[in-house]
Amino acid sequence: MKRVIIIALVIISGVSSCRSDYPGFNKILLSVAPHINQGNKDFNLLIDKIPTTESSPYTLEIAIYKFSSGKETLSIDEADTVTSYSDKMKISLLLKITKNDKLIDSKFIELSGDSIENMSIEITRRIKNLQWNF
């Protein structure tokens, strides 16, 4: 009798936690905070590589709340040699999973890279590797 109760409790607790590595999303929405100067950046390129699944009940909402296009630092030493150093572009994101307009889970992530196109590969990898709770 004790074995049956323990097995039932394990099954119930496993079903109720429902942790998933990658649920798939039927829709991906992207928004950019109004204080961010986009310049000639096409942030839609960030989400181009994230696959969608029509049968999924989940929507992924991505909000860009911080952006740095990087900076270039030039220095001149005593021998008049110019040295250039460039920082990578950085983006801070809020990821939200919703189902029927109800928040299911959210995560904050930061990306850095040489271009938006390169960061699109990284965001796809990171989203797939996150532990989502629902």
C-alpha atoms as a PDB file:
ATOM      1  CA  MET A   1       0.000   0.000   0.000  1.00  0.00           C
ATOM      2  CA  LYS A   2       2.853   2.401   0.812  1.00  0.00           C
ATOM      3  CA  ARG A   3       4.410   1.820  -2.618  1.00  0.00           C
ATOM      4  CA  VAL A   4       1.187   2.749  -4.393  1.00  0.00           C
ATOM      5  CA  ILE A   5       0.898   6.013  -2.435  1.00  0.00           C
ATOM      6  CA  ILE A   6       4.539   6.932  -3.075  1.00  0.00           C
ATOM      7  CA  ILE A   7       4.249   6.184  -6.796  1.00  0.00           C
ATOM      8  CA  ALA A   8       1.021   8.225  -6.999  1.00  0.00           C
ATOM      9  CA  LEU A   9       2.692  11.182  -5.252  1.00  0.00           C
ATOM     10  CA  VAL A  10       5.689  11.037  -7.604  1.00  0.00           C
ATOM     11  CA  ILE A  11       3.414  10.959 -10.655  1.00  0.00           C
ATOM     12  CA  ILE A  12       1.242  13.838  -9.364  1.00  0.00           C
ATOM     13  CA  SER A  13       4.242  16.026  -8.484  1.00  0.00           C
ATOM     14  CA  GLY A  14       5.846  15.334 -11.856  1.00  0.00           C
ATOM     15  CA  VAL A  15       2.692  16.284 -13.744  1.00  0.00           C
ATOM     16  CA  SER A  16       2.035  19.440 -11.716  1.00  0.00           C
ATOM     17  CA  SER A  17       5.501  20.976 -12.188  1.00  0.00           C
ATOM     18  CA  CYS A  18       5.466  20.623 -16.006  1.00  0.00           C
ATOM     19  CA  ARG A  19       8.935  22.007 -16.696  1.00  0.00           C
ATOM     20  CA  SER A  20       9.809  22.119 -20.359  1.00  0.00           C
ATOM     21  CA  ASP A  21      13.013  22.869 -22.186  1.00  0.00           C
ATOM     22  CA  TYR A  22      11.459  24.360 -25.309  1.00  0.00           C
ATOM     23  CA  PRO A  23       7.706  24.568 -25.724  1.00  0.00           C
ATOM     24  CA  GLY A  24       7.632  26.003 -29.244  1.00  0.00           C
ATOM     25  CA  PHE A  25       5.677  29.161 -30.015  1.00  0.00           C
ATOM     26  CA  ASN A  26       2.878  29.823 -32.463  1.00  0.00           C
ATOM     27  CA  LYS A  27       3.664  33.542 -32.595  1.00  0.00           C
ATOM     28  CA  ILE A  28       6.654  35.738 -31.756  1.00  0.00           C
ATOM     29  CA  LEU A  29       6.119  39.422 -30.996  1.00  0.00           C
ATOM     30  CA  LEU A  30       8.924  41.982 -30.770  1.00  0.00           C
ATOM     31  CA  SER A  31       8.747  45.397 -29.137  1.00  0.00           C
ATOM     32  CA  VAL A  32      11.424  48.034 -28.621  1.00  0.00           C
ATOM     33  CA  ALA A  33      11.361  50.473 -25.690  1.00  0.00           C
ATOM     34  CA  PRO A  34      10.605  54.011 -26.921  1.00  0.00           C
ATOM     35  CA  HIS A  35      13.815  55.448 -25.424  1.00  0.00           C
ATOM     36  CA  ILE A  36      15.993  53.274 -27.684  1.00  0.00           C
ATOM     37  CA  ASN A  37      17.306  55.016 -30.787  1.00  0.00           C
ATOM     38  CA  GLN A  38      17.185  52.295 -33.423  1.00  0.00           C
ATOM     39  CA  GLY A  39      19.055  54.252 -36.062  1.00  0.00           C
ATOM     40  CA  ASN A  40      19.472  51.915 -39.029  1.00  0.00           C
ATOM     41  CA  LYS A  41      19.168  48.748 -36.910  1.00  0.00           C
ATOM     42  CA  ASP A  42      16.511  46.246 -37.950  1.00  0.00           C
ATOM     43  CA  PHE A  43      15.706  44.467 -34.699  1.00  0.00           C
ATOM     44  CA  ASN A  44      13.251  42.186 -36.523  1.00  0.00           C
ATOM     45  CA  LEU A  45      16.333  40.284 -37.697  1.00  0.00           C
ATOM     46  CA  LEU A  46      16.691  39.091 -34.078  1.00  0.00           C
ATOM     47  CA  ILE A  47      13.622  36.883 -34.338  1.00  0.00           C
ATOM     48  CA  ASP A  48      14.059  35.614 -37.908  1.00  0.00           C
ATOM     49  CA  LYS A  49      15.773  32.374 -36.853  1.00  0.00           C
ATOM     50  CA  ILE A  50      13.422  31.464 -33.978  1.00  0.00           C
ATOM     51  CA  PRO A  51      11.235  28.614 -35.259  1.00  0.00           C
ATOM     52  CA  THR A  52       7.471  28.729 -34.793  1.00  0.00           C
ATOM     53  CA  THR A  53       5.054  25.856 -34.285  1.00  0.00           C
ATOM     54  CA  GLU A  54       1.462  26.402 -35.406  1.00  0.00           C
ATOM     55  CA  SER A  55       0.116  23.799 -32.993  1.00  0.00           C
ATOM     56  CA  SER A  56       1.670  25.488 -29.925  1.00  0.00           C
ATOM     57  CA  PRO A  57      -0.704  27.424 -27.646  1.00  0.00           C
ATOM     58  CA  TYR A  58       2.129  29.729 -26.534  1.00  0.00           C
ATOM     59  CA  THR A  59       3.204  33.165 -27.710  1.00  0.00           C
ATOM     60  CA  LEU A  60       6.712  34.503 -27.122  1.00  0.00           C
ATOM     61  CA  GLU A  61       6.889  38.238 -26.478  1.00  0.00           C
ATOM     62  CA  ILE A  62      10.348  39.811 -26.683  1.00  0.00           C
ATOM     63  CA  ALA A  63      10.854  43.333 -25.339  1.00  0.00           C
ATOM     64  CA  ILE A  64      14.142  45.118 -25.967  1.00  0.00           C
ATOM     65  CA  TYR A  65      14.652  47.432 -23.002  1.00  0.00           C
ATOM     66  CA  LYS A  66      18.363  48.267 -23.332  1.00  0.00           C
ATOM     67  CA  PHE A  67      20.620  48.578 -26.366  1.00  0.00           C
ATOM     68  CA  SER A  68      24.218  49.636 -26.920  1.00  0.00           C
ATOM     69  CA  SER A  69      25.669  49.696 -30.407  1.00  0.00           C
ATOM     70  CA  GLY A  70      29.135  49.326 -28.905  1.00  0.00           C
ATOM     71  CA  LYS A  71      31.922  51.843 -28.918  1.00  0.00           C
ATOM     72  CA  GLU A  72      35.256  52.262 -30.583  1.00  0.00           C
ATOM     73  CA  THR A  73      38.210  53.444 -28.536  1.00  0.00           C
ATOM     74  CA  LEU A  74      41.290  54.894 -30.186  1.00  0.00           C
ATOM     75  CA  SER A  75      44.545  55.404 -28.317  1.00  0.00           C
ATOM     76  CA  ILE A  76      47.889  56.803 -29.327  1.00  0.00           C
ATOM     77  CA  ASP A  77      51.051  55.695 -27.531  1.00  0.00           C
ATOM     78  CA  GLU A  78      54.328  57.570 -27.158  1.00  0.00           C
ATOM     79  CA  ALA A  79      55.563  56.293 -30.524  1.00  0.00           C
ATOM     80  CA  ASP A  80      52.455  57.765 -32.218  1.00  0.00           C
ATOM     81  CA  THR A  81      51.050  54.306 -32.873  1.00  0.00           C
ATOM     82  CA  VAL A  82      47.260  54.311 -33.074  1.00  0.00           C
ATOM     83  CA  THR A  83      45.479  51.381 -31.466  1.00  0.00           C
ATOM     84  CA  SER A  84      41.782  50.748 -32.023  1.00  0.00           C
ATOM     85  CA  TYR A  85      39.516  48.677 -29.762  1.00  0.00           C
ATOM     86  CA  SER A  86      35.824  47.985 -30.410  1.00  0.00           C
ATOM     87  CA  ASP A  87      33.244  46.789 -27.904  1.00  0.00           C
ATOM     88  CA  LYS A  88      30.527  44.457 -29.071  1.00  0.00           C
ATOM     89  CA  MET A  89      26.926  45.470 -29.494  1.00  0.00           C
ATOM     90  CA  LYS A  90      24.776  44.614 -26.420  1.00  0.00           C
ATOM     91  CA  ILE A  91      21.041  44.055 -26.097  1.00  0.00           C
ATOM     92  CA  SER A  92      19.009  43.401 -22.926  1.00  0.00           C
ATOM     93  CA  LEU A  93      15.742  41.551 -23.403  1.00  0.00           C
ATOM     94  CA  LEU A  94      12.664  40.565 -21.460  1.00  0.00           C
ATOM     95  CA  LEU A  95      11.200  37.285 -22.738  1.00  0.00           C
ATOM     96  CA  LYS A  96       7.596  36.485 -21.840  1.00  0.00           C
ATOM     97  CA  ILE A  97       5.597  33.377 -22.621  1.00  0.00           C
ATOM     98  CA  THR A  98       1.863  33.913 -22.730  1.00  0.00           C
ATOM     99  CA  LYS A  99      -1.081  31.628 -23.342  1.00  0.00           C
ATOM    100  CA  ASN A 100      -4.462  33.205 -24.106  1.00  0.00           C
ATOM    101  CA  ASP A 101      -2.986  36.598 -23.071  1.00  0.00           C
ATOM    102  CA  LYS A 102      -2.053  35.254 -19.611  1.00  0.00           C
ATOM    103  CA  LEU A 103       1.560  35.394 -18.488  1.00  0.00           C
ATOM    104  CA  ILE A 104       3.006  31.901 -18.048  1.00  0.00           C
ATOM    105  CA  ASP A 105       6.720  32.652 -17.512  1.00  0.00           C
ATOM    106  CA  SER A 106       9.295  35.381 -18.073  1.00  0.00           C
ATOM    107  CA  LYS A 107      13.081  35.614 -18.278  1.00  0.00           C
ATOM    108  CA  PHE A 108      15.647  38.379 -18.622  1.00  0.00           C
ATOM    109  CA  ILE A 109      18.615  37.764 -20.912  1.00  0.00           C
ATOM    110  CA  GLU A 110      21.463  39.799 -22.357  1.00  0.00           C
ATOM    111  CA  LEU A 111      23.105  39.278 -25.723  1.00  0.00           C
ATOM    112  CA  SER A 112      26.295  40.634 -27.194  1.00  0.00           C
ATOM    113  CA  GLY A 113      27.727  40.310 -30.664  1.00  0.00           C
ATOM    114  CA  ASP A 114      29.184  42.007 -33.677  1.00  0.00           C
ATOM    115  CA  SER A 115      25.832  42.385 -35.471  1.00  0.00           C
ATOM    116  CA  ILE A 116      22.100  41.876 -35.073  1.00  0.00           C
ATOM    117  CA  GLU A 117      22.342  38.978 -37.523  1.00  0.00           C
ATOM    118  CA  ASN A 118      24.920  37.182 -35.346  1.00  0.00           C
ATOM    119  CA  MET A 119      22.851  37.797 -32.221  1.00  0.00           C
ATOM    120  CA  SER A 120      19.802  36.196 -33.885  1.00  0.00           C
ATOM    121  CA  ILE A 121      21.625  32.856 -33.782  1.00  0.00           C
ATOM    122  CA  GLU A 122      22.498  33.393 -30.121  1.00  0.00           C
ATOM    123  CA  ILE A 123      18.962  34.353 -29.061  1.00  0.00           C
ATOM    124  CA  THR A 124      17.564  31.237 -30.738  1.00  0.00           C
ATOM    125  CA  ARG A 125      20.091  29.030 -28.926  1.00  0.00           C
ATOM    126  CA  ARG A 126      19.447  30.733 -25.586  1.00  0.00           C
ATOM    127  CA  ILE A 127      15.652  30.480 -25.851  1.00  0.00           C
ATOM    128  CA  LYS A 128      15.877  26.771 -26.640  1.00  0.00           C
ATOM    129  CA  ASN A 129      18.183  26.169 -23.658  1.00  0.00           C
ATOM    130  CA  LEU A 130      16.175  28.104 -21.040  1.00  0.00           C
ATOM    131  CA  GLN A 131      14.163  26.213 -18.461  1.00  0.00           C
ATOM    132  CA  TRP A 132      10.584  27.409 -18.836  1.00  0.00           C
ATOM    133  CA  ASN A 133       7.997  26.887 -16.071  1.00  0.00           C
ATOM    134  CA  PHE A 134       4.412  26.118 -16.945  1.00  0.00           C
END
